[in-house]
Amino acid sequence: MTYLNLKEGDVVVIRGGEDWPEHLFRVDEVYDDLVTGYAITGPLKDEYGEPDFDLILRVHSHAKG
């Protein structure tokens, strides 16, 4: 079972850290312990990332389909 039933195109909220603010992130791929994709808001907008599941606060929206 994948974390939070995430799939490609879902948007999640990434918690803020010491070097970045809370922001929205569009999921490209889901792995056993992390997701890949791009930040879509904030100063990291359009930046690629591989956040671990523990950085995901909640699902903002699920992809249509």
C-alpha atoms as a PDB file:
ATOM      1  CA  MET A   1       0.000   0.000   0.000  1.00  0.00           C
ATOM      2  CA  THR A   2       1.396   3.394  -0.937  1.00  0.00           C
ATOM      3  CA  TYR A   3       1.582   6.200   1.565  1.00  0.00           C
ATOM      4  CA  LEU A   4      -1.709   8.138   1.661  1.00  0.00           C
ATOM      5  CA  ASN A   5      -2.648   6.383  -1.604  1.00  0.00           C
ATOM      6  CA  LEU A   6      -0.556   8.937  -3.480  1.00  0.00           C
ATOM      7  CA  LYS A   7      -0.251   8.804  -7.248  1.00  0.00           C
ATOM      8  CA  GLU A   8       1.170  10.834 -10.104  1.00  0.00           C
ATOM      9  CA  GLY A   9      -0.359  14.302 -10.282  1.00  0.00           C
ATOM     10  CA  ASP A  10      -1.451  14.521  -6.637  1.00  0.00           C
ATOM     11  CA  VAL A  11      -0.552  17.708  -4.795  1.00  0.00           C
ATOM     12  CA  VAL A  12       0.708  17.472  -1.213  1.00  0.00           C
ATOM     13  CA  VAL A  13       1.685  19.995   1.436  1.00  0.00           C
ATOM     14  CA  ILE A  14       5.348  19.775   2.417  1.00  0.00           C
ATOM     15  CA  ARG A  15       6.120  20.958   5.934  1.00  0.00           C
ATOM     16  CA  GLY A  16       8.484  23.852   6.372  1.00  0.00           C
ATOM     17  CA  GLY A  17      12.040  23.242   7.459  1.00  0.00           C
ATOM     18  CA  GLU A  18      14.988  25.326   8.516  1.00  0.00           C
ATOM     19  CA  ASP A  19      15.893  26.082   4.889  1.00  0.00           C
ATOM     20  CA  TRP A  20      12.446  26.172   3.228  1.00  0.00           C
ATOM     21  CA  PRO A  21       8.864  27.278   4.010  1.00  0.00           C
ATOM     22  CA  GLU A  22       5.761  25.095   3.890  1.00  0.00           C
ATOM     23  CA  HIS A  23       4.761  24.676   0.240  1.00  0.00           C
ATOM     24  CA  LEU A  24       2.727  22.707  -2.272  1.00  0.00           C
ATOM     25  CA  PHE A  25       4.420  19.914  -4.197  1.00  0.00           C
ATOM     26  CA  ARG A  26       3.148  18.002  -7.262  1.00  0.00           C
ATOM     27  CA  VAL A  27       3.957  14.276  -7.131  1.00  0.00           C
ATOM     28  CA  ASP A  28       5.549  12.644 -10.186  1.00  0.00           C
ATOM     29  CA  GLU A  29       6.461   9.231  -8.749  1.00  0.00           C
ATOM     30  CA  VAL A  30       5.833   7.376  -5.483  1.00  0.00           C
ATOM     31  CA  TYR A  31       8.461   5.058  -3.982  1.00  0.00           C
ATOM     32  CA  ASP A  32       8.631   3.018  -0.771  1.00  0.00           C
ATOM     33  CA  ASP A  33       9.933   5.902   1.354  1.00  0.00           C
ATOM     34  CA  LEU A  34       9.677   9.082  -0.719  1.00  0.00           C
ATOM     35  CA  VAL A  35       8.020  10.866  -3.609  1.00  0.00           C
ATOM     36  CA  THR A  36       9.574  12.768  -6.495  1.00  0.00           C
ATOM     37  CA  GLY A  37       8.221  15.851  -8.196  1.00  0.00           C
ATOM     38  CA  TYR A  38       8.286  19.639  -8.248  1.00  0.00           C
ATOM     39  CA  ALA A  39       7.424  22.432  -5.829  1.00  0.00           C
ATOM     40  CA  ILE A  40       4.542  24.472  -7.211  1.00  0.00           C
ATOM     41  CA  THR A  41       4.427  27.335  -4.685  1.00  0.00           C
ATOM     42  CA  GLY A  42       6.828  29.430  -2.640  1.00  0.00           C
ATOM     43  CA  PRO A  43      10.477  30.303  -3.237  1.00  0.00           C
ATOM     44  CA  LEU A  44      11.214  26.712  -4.300  1.00  0.00           C
ATOM     45  CA  LYS A  45       8.627  26.871  -7.102  1.00  0.00           C
ATOM     46  CA  ASP A  46       9.653  24.736 -10.112  1.00  0.00           C
ATOM     47  CA  GLU A  47      12.460  23.083  -8.134  1.00  0.00           C
ATOM     48  CA  TYR A  48      12.755  19.289  -8.326  1.00  0.00           C
ATOM     49  CA  GLY A  49      12.700  17.406  -5.049  1.00  0.00           C
ATOM     50  CA  GLU A  50      12.568  13.967  -3.439  1.00  0.00           C
ATOM     51  CA  PRO A  51      10.888  14.532  -0.085  1.00  0.00           C
ATOM     52  CA  ASP A  52      10.574  11.639   2.368  1.00  0.00           C
ATOM     53  CA  PHE A  53       7.063  10.762   3.525  1.00  0.00           C
ATOM     54  CA  ASP A  54       7.742  12.338   6.941  1.00  0.00           C
ATOM     55  CA  LEU A  55       7.865  15.763   5.239  1.00  0.00           C
ATOM     56  CA  ILE A  56       4.326  15.411   3.869  1.00  0.00           C
ATOM     57  CA  LEU A  57       1.790  17.105   6.142  1.00  0.00           C
ATOM     58  CA  ARG A  58      -1.316  16.197   4.142  1.00  0.00           C
ATOM     59  CA  VAL A  59      -2.760  15.722   0.690  1.00  0.00           C
ATOM     60  CA  HIS A  60      -3.908  19.022  -0.789  1.00  0.00           C
ATOM     61  CA  SER A  61      -5.658  17.488  -3.820  1.00  0.00           C
ATOM     62  CA  HIS A  62      -5.770  14.225  -5.724  1.00  0.00           C
ATOM     63  CA  ALA A  63      -5.190  14.103  -9.488  1.00  0.00           C
ATOM     64  CA  LYS A  64      -8.312  13.729 -11.554  1.00  0.00           C
ATOM     65  CA  GLY A  65      -8.701  10.539 -13.418  1.00  0.00           C
END
